[in-house]
Amino acid sequence: MALTKSDIPDLLLPGLKAEFALAYRNEQHADVISQLATVIQTTQPIQRYPLLDNAPAMREFVDERRAVGLSSQAISIEDKVFESTIAVERKALEDDQLDLIRLRIRDLANRVVHHRHELVVGTLTKGNTLQGYDGTTLLATDHVEAGNEASNMSSDALDSAGLKSACSAMISRRDNEGVPLGISPNVLLVGPQNMWTAIELVESKGTAVSSGQVNVFNTMLKVVVSPFITDDKWFLLDTTRAMRSVILQQRSDVPVEFSSLESVRGSDSAFFSDRFYYGVRARYNAGPGVWQTVYAGGIAS
């Protein structure tokens, strides 16, 4: 039996799924968010995270082990269902405009990855309103550190003095027993408004004061620019640790799904609206992580 134009949707779907899968892998590889957030794979719709700031310090083994259990302090992150759907005119398939359709499918993959990017950065930009595991907000001036108050935010604009102050505060972080945590800030996250200031501060070989002085930030920090930071806020991050300032929670048992409304040529959508529908569906969410691994500037008091 000869193929007809109406057979195209059924024949095209497997190829479009492969196109989406390849584009999705490429987008994930190119995006930096998996490097900024702690990515947790779970099979639970609501995942509870107990106190995760640090393991107990090493001590001499002189009598018996002193085990430290999980804290009663915790946060919970509930996943959400997200989707993005496109409509393809039936005549576009009949007219063999497959390259244009493939471009739209690739853009669906881009939308998934960039939406996760938006959620992770949004957790930071709203960090002074999102409650963390210690009972206060992720970004706050009244965290408790070894019995004393500690701040991981300020209203300072992004400049050399503010950046040095933030670095010193993060490196000085201690656990509840007063032992240094070894925090090592390595990423400066900014939006477009602070992009050039950040690049000049970090990537210039010499300082702004004197070209003869070595820029100490040059080998210490990496600048990451996010379009989802739309104001003057800036964030100093330690992404070298397993637990970071933001948790990106994904469902390991519910992979990102690309599908069509109906793959059969006699579908209702093709009959009534002369269109075919393709879309992506995924379950994930982001939430606050460890406050000691972030310091924010440009936050209004």
Protein backbone atom coordinates (compact mmCIF):
# COMPACT_ATOMS: atom_id res chain seq x y z
CA MET A 1 0.00 0.00 0.00
CA ALA A 2 1.44 3.36 -1.03
CA LEU A 3 2.16 6.04 1.56
CA THR A 4 -0.04 9.13 1.56
CA LYS A 5 0.38 12.60 3.03
CA SER A 6 -1.86 11.57 5.92
CA ASP A 7 0.72 8.96 6.97
CA ILE A 8 3.34 11.64 7.69
CA PRO A 9 2.39 12.42 11.33
CA ASP A 10 2.73 8.78 12.38
CA LEU A 11 6.04 8.41 10.57
CA LEU A 12 7.39 11.74 11.83
CA LEU A 13 6.81 11.28 15.59
CA PRO A 14 9.71 8.86 16.32
CA GLY A 15 12.12 11.19 14.52
CA LEU A 16 10.84 14.22 16.42
CA LYS A 17 11.26 12.36 19.72
CA ALA A 18 14.87 11.62 18.80
CA GLU A 19 15.35 15.26 17.76
CA PHE A 20 14.02 16.45 21.11
CA ALA A 21 16.15 13.98 23.09
CA LEU A 22 19.34 15.09 21.34
CA ALA A 23 18.54 18.80 21.73
CA TYR A 24 17.68 18.28 25.40
CA ARG A 25 21.01 16.57 26.09
CA ASN A 26 22.89 19.35 24.32
CA GLU A 27 21.02 22.07 26.23
CA GLN A 28 21.72 20.37 29.56
CA HIS A 29 25.41 20.09 28.72
CA ALA A 30 25.64 23.78 27.80
CA ASP A 31 23.71 25.16 30.78
CA VAL A 32 25.52 26.06 34.01
CA ILE A 33 22.64 25.57 36.42
CA SER A 34 23.54 21.96 37.23
CA GLN A 35 26.89 23.37 38.36
CA LEU A 36 25.29 26.04 40.57
CA ALA A 37 22.59 23.99 42.29
CA THR A 38 22.61 20.64 44.08
CA VAL A 39 20.63 18.33 41.79
CA ILE A 40 18.60 15.75 43.71
CA GLN A 41 16.88 12.83 41.97
CA THR A 42 13.87 11.53 43.88
CA THR A 43 10.84 9.29 43.44
CA GLN A 44 8.78 11.22 46.00
CA PRO A 45 6.36 14.06 45.16
CA ILE A 46 7.42 15.79 48.39
CA GLN A 47 11.02 15.34 49.51
CA ARG A 48 12.08 16.30 53.03
CA TYR A 49 15.59 17.67 53.53
CA PRO A 50 16.91 17.65 57.11
CA LEU A 51 19.76 19.90 58.25
CA LEU A 52 22.36 19.43 55.53
CA ASP A 53 24.93 22.11 56.25
CA ASN A 54 27.84 19.92 57.30
CA ALA A 55 29.08 16.59 58.61
CA PRO A 56 30.74 16.54 62.05
CA ALA A 57 34.39 17.55 62.19
CA MET A 58 37.06 14.85 62.35
CA ARG A 59 38.34 14.00 65.85
CA GLU A 60 40.87 11.64 67.33
CA PHE A 61 39.44 8.15 67.82
CA VAL A 62 40.28 7.69 71.52
CA ASP A 63 37.24 5.99 73.04
CA GLU A 64 34.29 5.36 70.76
CA ARG A 65 32.64 6.99 67.79
CA ARG A 66 30.41 9.99 68.40
CA ALA A 67 27.65 9.76 65.84
CA VAL A 68 25.68 12.84 64.84
CA GLY A 69 22.18 12.09 63.61
CA LEU A 70 19.96 14.06 61.27
CA SER A 71 18.60 17.28 62.69
CA SER A 72 14.93 17.94 63.35
CA GLN A 73 15.37 21.16 61.36
CA ALA A 74 14.31 20.58 57.76
CA ILE A 75 12.66 21.94 54.66
CA SER A 76 10.39 20.14 52.21
CA ILE A 77 10.24 20.66 48.45
CA GLU A 78 7.16 19.56 46.51
CA ASP A 79 7.58 18.95 42.81
CA LYS A 80 5.36 20.69 40.28
CA VAL A 81 4.19 19.65 36.83
CA PHE A 82 5.28 21.89 33.95
CA GLU A 83 4.44 21.75 30.26
CA SER A 84 5.05 23.51 26.97
CA THR A 85 3.01 22.72 23.86
CA ILE A 86 3.19 23.75 20.22
CA ALA A 87 0.62 23.49 17.44
CA VAL A 88 1.74 22.48 13.95
CA GLU A 89 -0.50 23.23 11.00
CA ARG A 90 -1.42 20.09 9.10
CA LYS A 91 -0.54 21.73 5.81
CA ALA A 92 3.01 22.36 7.11
CA LEU A 93 3.45 18.58 7.26
CA GLU A 94 1.81 18.10 3.90
CA ASP A 95 4.13 20.73 2.39
CA ASP A 96 7.25 19.01 3.81
CA GLN A 97 8.26 21.93 6.05
CA LEU A 98 9.96 19.46 8.37
CA ASP A 99 13.08 21.55 9.06
CA LEU A 100 10.96 24.35 10.51
CA ILE A 101 9.11 21.86 12.69
CA ARG A 102 12.39 20.41 13.95
CA LEU A 103 13.54 23.90 14.94
CA ARG A 104 10.44 24.34 17.08
CA ILE A 105 11.01 20.94 18.70
CA ARG A 106 14.59 21.92 19.58
CA ASP A 107 13.25 25.11 21.12
CA LEU A 108 10.99 23.03 23.37
CA ALA A 109 14.12 21.37 24.78
CA ASN A 110 15.63 24.80 25.32
CA ARG A 111 12.51 25.89 27.22
CA VAL A 112 12.78 23.00 29.69
CA VAL A 113 16.41 23.71 30.57
CA HIS A 114 15.94 27.47 30.76
CA HIS A 115 12.89 27.11 32.97
CA ARG A 116 14.97 25.14 35.47
CA HIS A 117 17.55 27.90 35.21
CA GLU A 118 14.81 30.42 36.03
CA LEU A 119 13.66 28.44 39.08
CA VAL A 120 17.17 28.05 40.49
CA VAL A 121 18.05 31.72 40.06
CA GLY A 122 14.59 32.70 41.30
CA THR A 123 15.28 30.85 44.54
CA LEU A 124 18.28 33.13 45.06
CA THR A 125 16.61 36.39 44.00
CA LYS A 126 13.70 35.63 46.36
CA GLY A 127 16.02 34.19 49.00
CA ASN A 128 15.19 36.86 51.57
CA THR A 129 11.55 35.67 51.53
CA LEU A 130 11.98 31.86 51.28
CA GLN A 131 12.34 30.00 54.56
CA GLY A 132 15.36 27.74 54.91
CA TYR A 133 15.95 24.72 57.10
CA ASP A 134 17.22 26.80 60.06
CA GLY A 135 13.90 28.59 60.55
CA THR A 136 14.92 31.86 58.93
CA THR A 137 15.05 32.84 55.29
CA LEU A 138 17.79 31.60 52.95
CA LEU A 139 19.20 35.14 52.84
CA ALA A 140 19.07 36.82 56.23
CA THR A 141 21.00 38.89 58.74
CA ASP A 142 20.06 36.71 61.72
CA HIS A 143 21.33 33.22 60.95
CA VAL A 144 22.87 31.44 63.95
CA GLU A 145 26.49 30.35 63.66
CA ALA A 146 28.23 28.72 66.64
CA GLY A 147 25.87 30.57 68.98
CA ASN A 148 26.32 33.96 67.30
CA GLU A 149 24.32 35.89 64.72
CA ALA A 150 25.63 35.72 61.17
CA SER A 151 24.55 37.50 57.99
CA ASN A 152 24.74 36.31 54.39
CA MET A 153 23.25 39.39 52.74
CA SER A 154 23.83 43.11 52.49
CA SER A 155 22.68 46.15 50.56
CA ASP A 156 26.19 46.73 49.20
CA ALA A 157 26.52 47.50 45.52
CA LEU A 158 28.86 45.31 43.49
CA ASP A 159 32.34 46.76 43.89
CA SER A 160 35.75 45.63 45.09
CA ALA A 161 35.10 46.45 48.75
CA GLY A 162 31.72 44.71 48.80
CA LEU A 163 33.11 41.64 47.06
CA LYS A 164 36.05 41.38 49.46
CA SER A 165 33.72 41.71 52.43
CA ALA A 166 31.47 38.95 51.08
CA CYS A 167 34.44 36.65 50.41
CA SER A 168 35.78 37.17 53.92
CA ALA A 169 32.38 36.49 55.48
CA MET A 170 31.94 33.23 53.57
CA ILE A 171 35.46 31.94 54.22
CA SER A 172 34.97 32.63 57.95
CA ARG A 173 31.88 30.40 58.22
CA ARG A 174 31.96 27.90 61.10
CA ASP A 175 29.86 24.93 62.17
CA ASN A 176 27.92 24.72 65.42
CA GLU A 177 31.07 23.66 67.27
CA GLY A 178 33.05 26.63 66.00
CA VAL A 179 35.12 24.63 63.49
CA PRO A 180 35.70 26.39 60.13
CA LEU A 181 33.57 24.89 57.36
CA GLY A 182 36.14 25.55 54.66
CA ILE A 183 33.74 27.53 52.46
CA SER A 184 35.47 28.56 49.25
CA PRO A 185 33.53 31.09 47.12
CA ASN A 186 34.22 30.48 43.44
CA VAL A 187 31.31 31.92 41.42
CA LEU A 188 29.98 35.48 41.09
CA LEU A 189 26.42 35.32 39.74
CA VAL A 190 25.00 38.55 38.30
CA GLY A 191 22.37 39.83 35.92
CA PRO A 192 22.81 41.92 32.76
CA GLN A 193 22.86 45.19 34.75
CA ASN A 194 25.96 44.12 36.69
CA MET A 195 27.57 42.08 33.92
CA TRP A 196 30.26 44.54 32.85
CA THR A 197 31.06 45.56 36.42
CA ALA A 198 31.50 41.89 37.35
CA ILE A 199 33.71 41.19 34.34
CA GLU A 200 35.89 44.22 35.07
CA LEU A 201 36.21 43.25 38.75
CA VAL A 202 36.98 39.59 38.17
CA GLU A 203 38.50 39.12 34.74
CA SER A 204 40.79 42.15 34.50
CA LYS A 205 44.44 41.25 35.05
CA GLY A 206 45.10 44.40 37.09
CA THR A 207 42.98 46.23 39.64
CA ALA A 208 40.88 49.26 38.83
CA VAL A 209 43.05 51.33 41.20
CA SER A 210 46.42 50.41 39.75
CA SER A 211 47.28 48.36 36.68
CA GLY A 212 50.49 47.36 38.43
CA GLN A 213 48.62 45.46 41.13
CA VAL A 214 47.48 41.90 40.56
CA ASN A 215 43.71 41.41 40.59
CA VAL A 216 43.15 38.88 43.39
CA PHE A 217 39.67 38.01 42.08
CA ASN A 218 41.03 36.97 38.69
CA THR A 219 42.00 33.42 39.65
CA MET A 220 39.50 33.07 42.49
CA LEU A 221 36.11 33.69 40.91
CA LYS A 222 34.19 32.86 37.75
CA VAL A 223 31.52 35.24 36.45
CA VAL A 224 28.15 33.72 35.52
CA VAL A 225 25.49 35.97 33.98
CA SER A 226 21.81 35.07 34.23
CA PRO A 227 19.06 36.93 32.35
CA PHE A 228 16.70 36.07 35.21
CA ILE A 229 18.42 38.54 37.55
CA THR A 230 16.72 41.74 36.44
CA ASP A 231 18.09 44.16 39.03
CA ASP A 232 21.38 45.01 40.77
CA LYS A 233 21.45 41.94 43.02
CA TRP A 234 24.60 39.84 42.95
CA PHE A 235 25.41 36.50 44.52
CA LEU A 236 28.71 35.02 45.65
CA LEU A 237 28.50 31.22 45.64
CA ASP A 238 30.52 28.22 46.73
CA THR A 239 29.70 25.53 44.17
CA THR A 240 32.60 23.26 45.13
CA ARG A 241 30.58 21.52 47.84
CA ALA A 242 28.07 18.71 47.46
CA MET A 243 25.37 20.76 49.22
CA ARG A 244 24.89 24.19 47.69
CA SER A 245 22.65 27.17 48.25
CA VAL A 246 19.86 25.93 45.97
CA ILE A 247 18.37 22.45 45.55
CA LEU A 248 17.04 21.47 42.12
CA GLN A 249 14.73 18.51 42.70
CA GLN A 250 13.90 16.23 39.77
CA ARG A 251 11.83 13.06 39.48
CA SER A 252 14.06 10.12 38.57
CA ASP A 253 11.03 7.91 37.87
CA VAL A 254 9.22 10.49 35.69
CA PRO A 255 11.60 11.55 32.92
CA VAL A 256 11.05 14.60 30.76
CA GLU A 257 8.44 13.45 28.26
CA PHE A 258 7.98 14.57 24.67
CA SER A 259 4.75 13.41 23.05
CA SER A 260 1.95 14.30 20.66
CA LEU A 261 -1.74 14.73 21.40
CA GLU A 262 -2.66 11.89 19.06
CA SER A 263 -0.29 10.10 16.75
CA VAL A 264 -2.92 8.50 14.57
CA ARG A 265 -3.80 10.20 11.33
CA GLY A 266 -7.49 10.28 12.15
CA SER A 267 -7.06 12.31 15.32
CA ASP A 268 -9.72 14.74 16.51
CA SER A 269 -7.27 17.65 16.51
CA ALA A 270 -6.37 17.06 12.87
CA PHE A 271 -10.04 16.72 11.92
CA PHE A 272 -11.49 19.69 13.82
CA SER A 273 -8.66 22.23 13.86
CA ASP A 274 -6.39 20.98 11.05
CA ARG A 275 -3.50 20.93 13.50
CA PHE A 276 -1.23 18.48 15.26
CA TYR A 277 -0.03 19.16 18.80
CA TYR A 278 3.37 18.31 20.26
CA GLY A 279 4.48 19.04 23.78
CA VAL A 280 6.84 18.40 26.65
CA ARG A 281 5.94 17.57 30.25
CA ALA A 282 8.20 17.36 33.30
CA ARG A 283 8.08 17.30 37.11
CA TYR A 284 10.64 19.26 39.12
CA ASN A 285 11.07 22.21 41.47
CA ALA A 286 13.73 24.22 43.26
CA GLY A 287 14.13 25.35 46.84
CA PRO A 288 16.59 26.75 49.41
CA GLY A 289 19.71 24.78 50.26
CA VAL A 290 22.62 25.63 52.56
CA TRP A 291 22.76 29.30 53.53
CA GLN A 292 26.49 29.24 54.32
CA THR A 293 27.34 28.70 50.64
CA VAL A 294 25.84 31.97 49.39
CA TYR A 295 26.29 35.67 50.10
CA ALA A 296 24.01 38.19 48.39
CA GLY A 297 24.58 41.86 47.71
CA GLY A 298 22.25 44.60 46.55
CA ILE A 299 19.44 43.32 48.80
CA ALA A 300 17.27 46.10 50.19
CA SER A 301 17.07 46.05 53.99
